[in-house]
Amino acid sequence: MNLINEKYESIVKADYTSRNKNQMFWVYNPVEADFFLKTCLIWQNIKTDTYEVKIGDDVISLPFNYYIVIGDYDSGLDCISPEEITGRKFQAFTFSNDIDENSWILEDIKVVGVREDIDFVIPFVKGIFPVALSDKRSVLVASSDCYNKIKDISMADLIRPMMSFQ
């Protein structure tokens, strides 16, 4: 599970474990309906079982207790756990790693496996994070159900124009 840094690149596990306390990463703030850069002094090293989730053509591992932001053209945004996806058809809300306002699309999502005892390094903050699916696409995940925070935000308004740091 790779977060996105200020240069819109994936933050790999080695970046976290190097004790870089000033590592910046994007977080989505539903109150402001915008993305912000954040740092975290405390990073959690956890070993947990994961769901292998296929979104479009990419597969990522998510801890069992994480949620994914999905979308539906008729009913808007929602937030569900991978467990709820199993055996059902949903589409994940995805967008370009540079958080371009015109890049969002809905892509098919399904659980393709389960893995045990996978190591993760996760910032010790609550929030909704963009996580890299590939070097081009991202998806939003959260450590808790964020539906009540995003239910009034439209898919088109989720990603708004922002200042570039490139």
N, C-alpha and C. Protein backbone atom coordinates (compact mmCIF):
# COMPACT_ATOMS: atom_id res chain seq x y z
N MET A 1 0.86 -1.17 0.00
CA MET A 1 0.00 0.00 0.00
C MET A 1 0.90 1.23 0.00
N ASN A 2 1.08 1.82 -1.19
CA ASN A 2 1.98 2.95 -1.34
C ASN A 2 1.22 4.27 -1.41
N LEU A 3 1.49 5.14 -0.45
CA LEU A 3 0.90 6.48 -0.48
C LEU A 3 1.57 7.29 -1.59
N ILE A 4 1.06 8.50 -1.83
CA ILE A 4 1.58 9.37 -2.88
C ILE A 4 2.27 10.56 -2.22
N ASN A 5 3.51 10.87 -2.66
CA ASN A 5 4.26 11.98 -2.05
C ASN A 5 3.98 13.31 -2.75
N GLU A 6 4.68 14.36 -2.33
CA GLU A 6 4.46 15.71 -2.86
C GLU A 6 4.83 15.84 -4.34
N LYS A 7 5.61 14.89 -4.85
CA LYS A 7 5.98 14.90 -6.27
C LYS A 7 5.07 13.97 -7.07
N TYR A 8 4.00 13.51 -6.45
CA TYR A 8 3.01 12.62 -7.07
C TYR A 8 3.61 11.26 -7.44
N GLU A 9 4.58 10.81 -6.65
CA GLU A 9 5.21 9.52 -6.85
C GLU A 9 4.83 8.60 -5.70
N SER A 10 4.88 7.30 -5.96
CA SER A 10 4.61 6.32 -4.90
C SER A 10 5.68 6.39 -3.83
N ILE A 11 5.25 6.32 -2.60
CA ILE A 11 6.19 6.22 -1.49
C ILE A 11 6.33 4.73 -1.18
N VAL A 12 7.49 4.19 -1.43
CA VAL A 12 7.70 2.76 -1.19
C VAL A 12 8.08 2.54 0.26
N LYS A 13 7.94 1.31 0.70
CA LYS A 13 8.18 0.96 2.10
C LYS A 13 9.56 1.42 2.59
N ALA A 14 10.57 1.36 1.74
CA ALA A 14 11.92 1.79 2.14
C ALA A 14 11.93 3.25 2.55
N ASP A 15 11.10 4.08 1.93
CA ASP A 15 11.03 5.50 2.29
C ASP A 15 10.49 5.69 3.71
N TYR A 16 9.56 4.84 4.12
CA TYR A 16 9.01 4.94 5.47
C TYR A 16 10.02 4.46 6.50
N THR A 17 10.65 3.34 6.19
CA THR A 17 11.51 2.70 7.18
C THR A 17 12.84 3.39 7.33
N SER A 18 13.15 4.34 6.47
CA SER A 18 14.42 5.07 6.61
C SER A 18 14.33 6.11 7.71
N ARG A 19 13.20 6.14 8.40
CA ARG A 19 12.98 7.07 9.51
C ARG A 19 12.94 8.52 9.03
N ASN A 20 12.46 8.70 7.82
CA ASN A 20 12.29 10.04 7.27
C ASN A 20 11.02 10.63 7.87
N LYS A 21 11.16 11.31 8.99
CA LYS A 21 10.01 11.85 9.72
C LYS A 21 9.29 12.95 8.96
N ASN A 22 9.94 13.55 7.99
CA ASN A 22 9.33 14.64 7.23
C ASN A 22 8.73 14.18 5.91
N GLN A 23 8.59 12.87 5.73
CA GLN A 23 8.00 12.34 4.50
C GLN A 23 6.59 12.90 4.34
N MET A 24 6.36 13.60 3.25
CA MET A 24 5.04 14.18 3.01
C MET A 24 4.21 13.22 2.15
N PHE A 25 2.92 13.20 2.40
CA PHE A 25 2.00 12.38 1.64
C PHE A 25 0.65 13.09 1.56
N TRP A 26 -0.11 12.76 0.52
CA TRP A 26 -1.41 13.38 0.31
C TRP A 26 -2.47 12.72 1.17
N VAL A 27 -3.35 13.54 1.71
CA VAL A 27 -4.51 13.09 2.49
C VAL A 27 -5.72 13.86 1.95
N TYR A 28 -6.85 13.19 1.88
CA TYR A 28 -8.07 13.86 1.45
C TYR A 28 -8.84 14.32 2.67
N ASN A 29 -9.22 15.60 2.68
CA ASN A 29 -10.01 16.16 3.78
C ASN A 29 -11.44 16.38 3.27
N PRO A 30 -12.40 15.55 3.73
CA PRO A 30 -13.76 15.68 3.22
C PRO A 30 -14.48 16.96 3.65
N VAL A 31 -14.07 17.57 4.75
CA VAL A 31 -14.68 18.83 5.19
C VAL A 31 -14.35 19.93 4.19
N GLU A 32 -13.10 19.98 3.76
CA GLU A 32 -12.66 20.97 2.78
C GLU A 32 -12.89 20.49 1.35
N ALA A 33 -13.22 19.21 1.19
CA ALA A 33 -13.37 18.58 -0.13
C ALA A 33 -12.14 18.86 -1.00
N ASP A 34 -10.96 18.59 -0.42
CA ASP A 34 -9.72 18.85 -1.13
C ASP A 34 -8.61 17.97 -0.56
N PHE A 35 -7.51 17.86 -1.32
CA PHE A 35 -6.33 17.10 -0.90
C PHE A 35 -5.31 18.04 -0.28
N PHE A 36 -4.61 17.55 0.75
CA PHE A 36 -3.59 18.32 1.43
C PHE A 36 -2.37 17.45 1.69
N LEU A 37 -1.19 18.08 1.69
CA LEU A 37 0.02 17.37 2.05
C LEU A 37 0.14 17.33 3.56
N LYS A 38 0.61 16.19 4.06
CA LYS A 38 0.71 16.00 5.50
C LYS A 38 2.00 15.24 5.80
N THR A 39 2.53 15.44 6.98
CA THR A 39 3.64 14.63 7.48
C THR A 39 3.16 13.94 8.74
N CYS A 40 3.89 12.93 9.15
CA CYS A 40 3.51 12.18 10.34
C CYS A 40 4.79 11.75 11.06
N LEU A 41 4.85 12.01 12.35
CA LEU A 41 6.04 11.62 13.12
C LEU A 41 6.02 10.15 13.51
N ILE A 42 4.82 9.57 13.59
CA ILE A 42 4.70 8.18 14.02
C ILE A 42 4.17 7.34 12.87
N TRP A 43 4.95 6.32 12.51
CA TRP A 43 4.55 5.38 11.47
C TRP A 43 4.40 4.01 12.13
N GLN A 44 3.29 3.33 11.87
CA GLN A 44 3.03 2.03 12.46
C GLN A 44 3.58 0.92 11.57
N ASN A 45 4.32 0.03 12.16
CA ASN A 45 4.73 -1.20 11.47
C ASN A 45 3.76 -2.28 11.89
N ILE A 46 2.96 -2.75 10.96
CA ILE A 46 1.98 -3.77 11.31
C ILE A 46 2.15 -4.99 10.40
N LYS A 47 1.80 -6.11 10.95
CA LYS A 47 1.76 -7.36 10.19
C LYS A 47 0.32 -7.84 10.27
N THR A 48 -0.30 -7.98 9.12
CA THR A 48 -1.72 -8.31 9.09
C THR A 48 -2.07 -9.13 7.86
N ASP A 49 -3.21 -9.76 7.93
CA ASP A 49 -3.74 -10.45 6.75
C ASP A 49 -4.29 -9.40 5.80
N THR A 50 -4.27 -9.71 4.51
CA THR A 50 -4.69 -8.72 3.51
C THR A 50 -5.64 -9.34 2.49
N TYR A 51 -6.37 -8.46 1.86
CA TYR A 51 -7.12 -8.80 0.67
C TYR A 51 -6.30 -8.38 -0.52
N GLU A 52 -6.23 -9.23 -1.52
CA GLU A 52 -5.65 -8.87 -2.81
C GLU A 52 -6.82 -8.37 -3.66
N VAL A 53 -6.76 -7.09 -4.02
CA VAL A 53 -7.88 -6.45 -4.70
C VAL A 53 -7.42 -6.04 -6.10
N LYS A 54 -8.18 -6.46 -7.11
CA LYS A 54 -7.89 -6.09 -8.48
C LYS A 54 -8.80 -4.93 -8.87
N ILE A 55 -8.17 -3.82 -9.27
CA ILE A 55 -8.89 -2.63 -9.71
C ILE A 55 -8.41 -2.34 -11.12
N GLY A 56 -9.31 -2.43 -12.08
CA GLY A 56 -8.88 -2.33 -13.48
C GLY A 56 -7.94 -3.48 -13.77
N ASP A 57 -6.72 -3.15 -14.23
CA ASP A 57 -5.71 -4.17 -14.52
C ASP A 57 -4.68 -4.32 -13.41
N ASP A 58 -4.82 -3.57 -12.33
CA ASP A 58 -3.81 -3.55 -11.26
C ASP A 58 -4.30 -4.28 -10.01
N VAL A 59 -3.36 -4.89 -9.28
CA VAL A 59 -3.68 -5.60 -8.04
C VAL A 59 -2.90 -4.96 -6.91
N ILE A 60 -3.60 -4.65 -5.81
CA ILE A 60 -2.94 -4.12 -4.61
C ILE A 60 -3.37 -4.94 -3.41
N SER A 61 -2.58 -4.87 -2.35
CA SER A 61 -2.91 -5.53 -1.08
C SER A 61 -3.42 -4.48 -0.12
N LEU A 62 -4.53 -4.79 0.54
CA LEU A 62 -5.10 -3.90 1.54
C LEU A 62 -5.29 -4.66 2.84
N PRO A 63 -4.92 -4.06 3.98
CA PRO A 63 -5.20 -4.71 5.27
C PRO A 63 -6.69 -5.01 5.41
N PHE A 64 -7.01 -6.08 6.14
CA PHE A 64 -8.40 -6.51 6.31
C PHE A 64 -9.31 -5.39 6.81
N ASN A 65 -8.80 -4.50 7.63
CA ASN A 65 -9.65 -3.49 8.26
C ASN A 65 -9.72 -2.17 7.49
N TYR A 66 -9.29 -2.14 6.23
CA TYR A 66 -9.33 -0.91 5.44
C TYR A 66 -10.55 -0.88 4.52
N TYR A 67 -10.89 0.31 4.07
CA TYR A 67 -12.05 0.55 3.22
C TYR A 67 -11.59 1.21 1.92
N ILE A 68 -12.38 1.04 0.85
CA ILE A 68 -12.08 1.60 -0.46
C ILE A 68 -13.25 2.50 -0.87
N VAL A 69 -12.93 3.66 -1.46
CA VAL A 69 -13.97 4.53 -1.98
C VAL A 69 -14.39 4.02 -3.35
N ILE A 70 -15.68 3.75 -3.47
CA ILE A 70 -16.24 3.27 -4.73
C ILE A 70 -17.21 4.31 -5.26
N GLY A 71 -17.63 4.13 -6.50
CA GLY A 71 -18.59 5.06 -7.08
C GLY A 71 -19.62 4.36 -7.92
N ASP A 72 -20.73 5.05 -8.12
CA ASP A 72 -21.80 4.58 -8.97
C ASP A 72 -22.42 5.82 -9.60
N TYR A 73 -22.58 5.80 -10.91
CA TYR A 73 -23.10 6.98 -11.61
C TYR A 73 -24.49 7.37 -11.12
N ASP A 74 -25.27 6.40 -10.65
CA ASP A 74 -26.62 6.69 -10.18
C ASP A 74 -26.68 7.13 -8.72
N SER A 75 -25.86 6.51 -7.88
CA SER A 75 -25.98 6.79 -6.44
C SER A 75 -24.78 7.51 -5.83
N GLY A 76 -23.75 7.85 -6.59
CA GLY A 76 -22.62 8.62 -6.07
C GLY A 76 -21.55 7.78 -5.42
N LEU A 77 -20.91 8.35 -4.40
CA LEU A 77 -19.77 7.72 -3.73
C LEU A 77 -20.21 6.87 -2.54
N ASP A 78 -19.40 5.89 -2.24
CA ASP A 78 -19.61 5.06 -1.06
C ASP A 78 -18.25 4.57 -0.60
N CYS A 79 -18.22 3.96 0.55
CA CYS A 79 -16.98 3.44 1.12
C CYS A 79 -17.28 2.04 1.65
N ILE A 80 -16.57 1.02 1.14
CA ILE A 80 -16.85 -0.34 1.57
C ILE A 80 -15.56 -1.10 1.83
N SER A 81 -15.69 -2.15 2.59
CA SER A 81 -14.53 -3.01 2.86
C SER A 81 -14.41 -4.03 1.74
N PRO A 82 -13.21 -4.55 1.51
CA PRO A 82 -13.05 -5.58 0.48
C PRO A 82 -13.93 -6.81 0.74
N GLU A 83 -14.20 -7.09 2.00
CA GLU A 83 -15.07 -8.22 2.34
C GLU A 83 -16.45 -8.06 1.70
N GLU A 84 -16.96 -6.83 1.63
CA GLU A 84 -18.26 -6.56 1.04
C GLU A 84 -18.24 -6.69 -0.49
N ILE A 85 -17.07 -6.63 -1.08
CA ILE A 85 -16.93 -6.70 -2.53
C ILE A 85 -17.02 -8.13 -3.04
N THR A 86 -16.59 -9.07 -2.22
CA THR A 86 -16.50 -10.46 -2.64
C THR A 86 -17.82 -10.96 -3.22
N GLY A 87 -17.75 -11.40 -4.48
CA GLY A 87 -18.90 -11.98 -5.14
C GLY A 87 -19.92 -10.96 -5.66
N ARG A 88 -19.61 -9.67 -5.59
CA ARG A 88 -20.53 -8.63 -6.05
C ARG A 88 -19.82 -7.71 -7.03
N LYS A 89 -20.58 -6.98 -7.84
CA LYS A 89 -19.99 -6.07 -8.83
C LYS A 89 -20.00 -4.65 -8.29
N PHE A 90 -18.80 -4.07 -8.21
CA PHE A 90 -18.63 -2.68 -7.80
C PHE A 90 -17.58 -2.04 -8.69
N GLN A 91 -17.51 -0.71 -8.63
CA GLN A 91 -16.47 0.02 -9.34
C GLN A 91 -15.78 0.98 -8.38
N ALA A 92 -14.46 0.95 -8.40
CA ALA A 92 -13.67 1.85 -7.55
C ALA A 92 -13.52 3.20 -8.23
N PHE A 93 -13.47 4.24 -7.42
CA PHE A 93 -13.22 5.59 -7.89
C PHE A 93 -11.72 5.73 -8.02
N THR A 94 -11.20 5.86 -9.25
CA THR A 94 -9.77 5.98 -9.47
C THR A 94 -9.46 7.28 -10.19
N PHE A 95 -8.19 7.69 -10.11
CA PHE A 95 -7.76 8.95 -10.71
C PHE A 95 -6.25 8.89 -10.92
N SER A 96 -5.72 9.87 -11.66
CA SER A 96 -4.29 9.87 -11.94
C SER A 96 -3.51 10.21 -10.68
N ASN A 97 -2.28 9.73 -10.61
CA ASN A 97 -1.44 9.97 -9.43
C ASN A 97 -1.16 11.45 -9.20
N ASP A 98 -1.27 12.27 -10.24
CA ASP A 98 -1.05 13.70 -10.04
C ASP A 98 -2.33 14.42 -9.61
N ILE A 99 -3.35 13.65 -9.28
CA ILE A 99 -4.62 14.16 -8.74
C ILE A 99 -5.23 15.20 -9.68
N ASP A 100 -5.17 14.92 -10.96
CA ASP A 100 -5.74 15.80 -11.98
C ASP A 100 -7.27 15.72 -11.93
N GLU A 101 -7.92 16.87 -11.91
CA GLU A 101 -9.37 16.93 -11.77
C GLU A 101 -10.13 16.22 -12.89
N ASN A 102 -9.55 16.11 -14.05
CA ASN A 102 -10.23 15.49 -15.19
C ASN A 102 -9.85 14.03 -15.40
N SER A 103 -9.16 13.43 -14.45
CA SER A 103 -8.64 12.08 -14.66
C SER A 103 -9.46 10.98 -14.00
N TRP A 104 -10.48 11.32 -13.24
CA TRP A 104 -11.19 10.27 -12.51
C TRP A 104 -12.05 9.43 -13.44
N ILE A 105 -12.08 8.15 -13.12
CA ILE A 105 -12.95 7.18 -13.80
C ILE A 105 -13.35 6.12 -12.79
N LEU A 106 -14.37 5.37 -13.12
CA LEU A 106 -14.77 4.22 -12.31
C LEU A 106 -14.22 2.97 -12.99
N GLU A 107 -13.54 2.13 -12.19
CA GLU A 107 -12.97 0.90 -12.73
C GLU A 107 -13.48 -0.29 -11.93
N ASP A 108 -13.71 -1.40 -12.62
CA ASP A 108 -14.19 -2.60 -11.95
C ASP A 108 -13.23 -3.01 -10.84
N ILE A 109 -13.81 -3.49 -9.74
CA ILE A 109 -13.03 -3.91 -8.60
C ILE A 109 -13.51 -5.28 -8.14
N LYS A 110 -12.57 -6.16 -7.82
CA LYS A 110 -12.94 -7.46 -7.26
C LYS A 110 -11.81 -7.99 -6.39
N VAL A 111 -12.18 -8.80 -5.44
CA VAL A 111 -11.21 -9.45 -4.57
C VAL A 111 -10.72 -10.70 -5.29
N VAL A 112 -9.38 -10.81 -5.42
CA VAL A 112 -8.82 -11.95 -6.15
C VAL A 112 -8.01 -12.88 -5.25
N GLY A 113 -7.90 -12.54 -3.96
CA GLY A 113 -7.16 -13.42 -3.07
C GLY A 113 -7.01 -12.85 -1.67
N VAL A 114 -6.45 -13.68 -0.82
CA VAL A 114 -6.17 -13.31 0.56
C VAL A 114 -4.75 -13.75 0.85
N ARG A 115 -3.99 -12.90 1.55
CA ARG A 115 -2.62 -13.27 1.95
C ARG A 115 -2.50 -13.07 3.45
N GLU A 116 -1.68 -13.88 4.08
CA GLU A 116 -1.51 -13.82 5.53
C GLU A 116 -0.18 -13.17 5.89
N ASP A 117 -0.20 -12.48 7.02
CA ASP A 117 1.02 -11.93 7.64
C ASP A 117 1.86 -11.07 6.70
N ILE A 118 1.25 -10.05 6.13
CA ILE A 118 1.96 -9.11 5.26
C ILE A 118 2.36 -7.89 6.07
N ASP A 119 3.59 -7.41 5.86
CA ASP A 119 4.09 -6.23 6.57
C ASP A 119 3.65 -4.95 5.88
N PHE A 120 3.16 -4.01 6.67
CA PHE A 120 2.78 -2.68 6.20
C PHE A 120 3.41 -1.64 7.10
N VAL A 121 3.71 -0.48 6.53
CA VAL A 121 4.13 0.68 7.30
C VAL A 121 3.11 1.77 6.96
N ILE A 122 2.35 2.19 7.98
CA ILE A 122 1.22 3.07 7.77
C ILE A 122 1.35 4.27 8.70
N PRO A 123 1.06 5.48 8.21
CA PRO A 123 1.13 6.65 9.10
C PRO A 123 0.08 6.55 10.20
N PHE A 124 0.44 7.01 11.37
CA PHE A 124 -0.47 6.96 12.52
C PHE A 124 -1.37 8.19 12.50
N VAL A 125 -2.22 8.26 11.51
CA VAL A 125 -3.21 9.33 11.38
C VAL A 125 -4.48 8.72 10.80
N LYS A 126 -5.59 9.32 11.15
CA LYS A 126 -6.85 8.90 10.54
C LYS A 126 -7.07 9.75 9.31
N GLY A 127 -7.65 9.17 8.31
CA GLY A 127 -7.91 9.95 7.12
C GLY A 127 -8.20 9.09 5.92
N ILE A 128 -8.41 9.77 4.82
CA ILE A 128 -8.63 9.14 3.54
C ILE A 128 -7.40 9.44 2.68
N PHE A 129 -6.76 8.38 2.19
CA PHE A 129 -5.48 8.52 1.50
C PHE A 129 -5.58 8.05 0.06
N PRO A 130 -4.93 8.77 -0.87
CA PRO A 130 -4.75 8.18 -2.19
C PRO A 130 -3.63 7.15 -2.12
N VAL A 131 -3.88 5.98 -2.66
CA VAL A 131 -2.90 4.89 -2.68
C VAL A 131 -2.65 4.53 -4.14
N ALA A 132 -1.39 4.40 -4.49
CA ALA A 132 -1.01 4.10 -5.87
C ALA A 132 -1.43 2.69 -6.26
N LEU A 133 -2.13 2.60 -7.39
CA LEU A 133 -2.42 1.31 -8.00
C LEU A 133 -1.27 0.93 -8.92
N SER A 134 -0.69 1.94 -9.56
CA SER A 134 0.41 1.77 -10.51
C SER A 134 1.18 3.09 -10.51
N ASP A 135 2.08 3.26 -11.47
CA ASP A 135 2.80 4.53 -11.55
C ASP A 135 1.94 5.62 -12.18
N LYS A 136 0.71 5.29 -12.58
CA LYS A 136 -0.18 6.26 -13.22
C LYS A 136 -1.51 6.48 -12.50
N ARG A 137 -2.05 5.46 -11.81
CA ARG A 137 -3.40 5.53 -11.25
C ARG A 137 -3.39 5.32 -9.74
N SER A 138 -4.39 5.93 -9.07
CA SER A 138 -4.56 5.82 -7.63
C SER A 138 -6.01 5.54 -7.28
N VAL A 139 -6.21 5.13 -6.05
CA VAL A 139 -7.53 4.89 -5.49
C VAL A 139 -7.53 5.46 -4.08
N LEU A 140 -8.70 5.79 -3.55
CA LEU A 140 -8.79 6.31 -2.19
C LEU A 140 -9.12 5.18 -1.22
N VAL A 141 -8.37 5.12 -0.11
CA VAL A 141 -8.63 4.14 0.94
C VAL A 141 -8.70 4.86 2.27
N ALA A 142 -9.30 4.20 3.26
CA ALA A 142 -9.42 4.77 4.60
C ALA A 142 -9.31 3.66 5.62
N SER A 143 -8.86 4.01 6.82
CA SER A 143 -8.73 3.03 7.89
C SER A 143 -10.05 2.80 8.62
N SER A 144 -11.06 3.60 8.30
CA SER A 144 -12.39 3.41 8.89
C SER A 144 -13.44 3.76 7.83
N ASP A 145 -14.67 3.38 8.08
CA ASP A 145 -15.74 3.66 7.14
C ASP A 145 -15.94 5.17 7.05
N CYS A 146 -15.75 5.73 5.87
CA CYS A 146 -15.82 7.18 5.69
C CYS A 146 -17.06 7.61 4.92
N TYR A 147 -18.05 6.72 4.78
CA TYR A 147 -19.23 7.05 3.99
C TYR A 147 -19.90 8.34 4.46
N ASN A 148 -20.11 8.50 5.76
CA ASN A 148 -20.79 9.70 6.27
C ASN A 148 -20.01 10.98 5.97
N LYS A 149 -18.72 10.86 5.75
CA LYS A 149 -17.90 12.04 5.44
C LYS A 149 -17.94 12.40 3.95
N ILE A 150 -18.19 11.41 3.09
CA ILE A 150 -18.13 11.67 1.65
C ILE A 150 -19.49 11.59 0.96
N LYS A 151 -20.54 11.24 1.68
CA LYS A 151 -21.84 10.97 1.05
C LYS A 151 -22.43 12.17 0.31
N ASP A 152 -22.09 13.39 0.71
CA ASP A 152 -22.65 14.57 0.06
C ASP A 152 -21.72 15.18 -0.99
N ILE A 153 -20.62 14.50 -1.28
CA ILE A 153 -19.65 14.99 -2.28
C ILE A 153 -19.90 14.23 -3.58
N SER A 154 -20.03 14.96 -4.66
CA SER A 154 -20.23 14.30 -5.96
C SER A 154 -18.90 13.78 -6.49
N MET A 155 -18.97 12.84 -7.39
CA MET A 155 -17.74 12.30 -7.97
C MET A 155 -16.97 13.39 -8.70
N ALA A 156 -17.68 14.26 -9.40
CA ALA A 156 -17.02 15.34 -10.15
C ALA A 156 -16.36 16.35 -9.23
N ASP A 157 -16.87 16.50 -8.00
CA ASP A 157 -16.31 17.48 -7.06
C ASP A 157 -15.24 16.90 -6.14
N LEU A 158 -15.08 15.59 -6.16
CA LEU A 158 -14.11 14.96 -5.25
C LEU A 158 -12.70 15.44 -5.55
N ILE A 159 -12.38 15.56 -6.82
CA ILE A 159 -11.05 16.06 -7.19
C ILE A 159 -11.22 17.41 -7.88
N ARG A 160 -10.74 18.44 -7.23
CA ARG A 160 -10.86 19.80 -7.76
C ARG A 160 -9.49 20.31 -8.17
N PRO A 161 -9.45 21.40 -8.94
CA PRO A 161 -8.15 21.97 -9.33
C PRO A 161 -7.33 22.30 -8.09
N MET A 162 -6.05 22.05 -8.18
CA MET A 162 -5.16 22.34 -7.05
C MET A 162 -3.82 22.86 -7.56
N MET A 163 -3.08 23.49 -6.67
CA MET A 163 -1.78 24.01 -7.02
C MET A 163 -0.80 22.86 -7.20
N SER A 164 -0.02 22.93 -8.24
CA SER A 164 0.96 21.90 -8.50
C SER A 164 2.27 22.20 -7.77
N PHE A 165 2.92 21.15 -7.26
CA PHE A 165 4.19 21.31 -6.57
C PHE A 165 5.34 20.83 -7.45
N GLN A 166 5.07 20.59 -8.73
CA GLN A 166 6.13 20.08 -9.61
C GLN A 166 7.02 21.18 -10.07
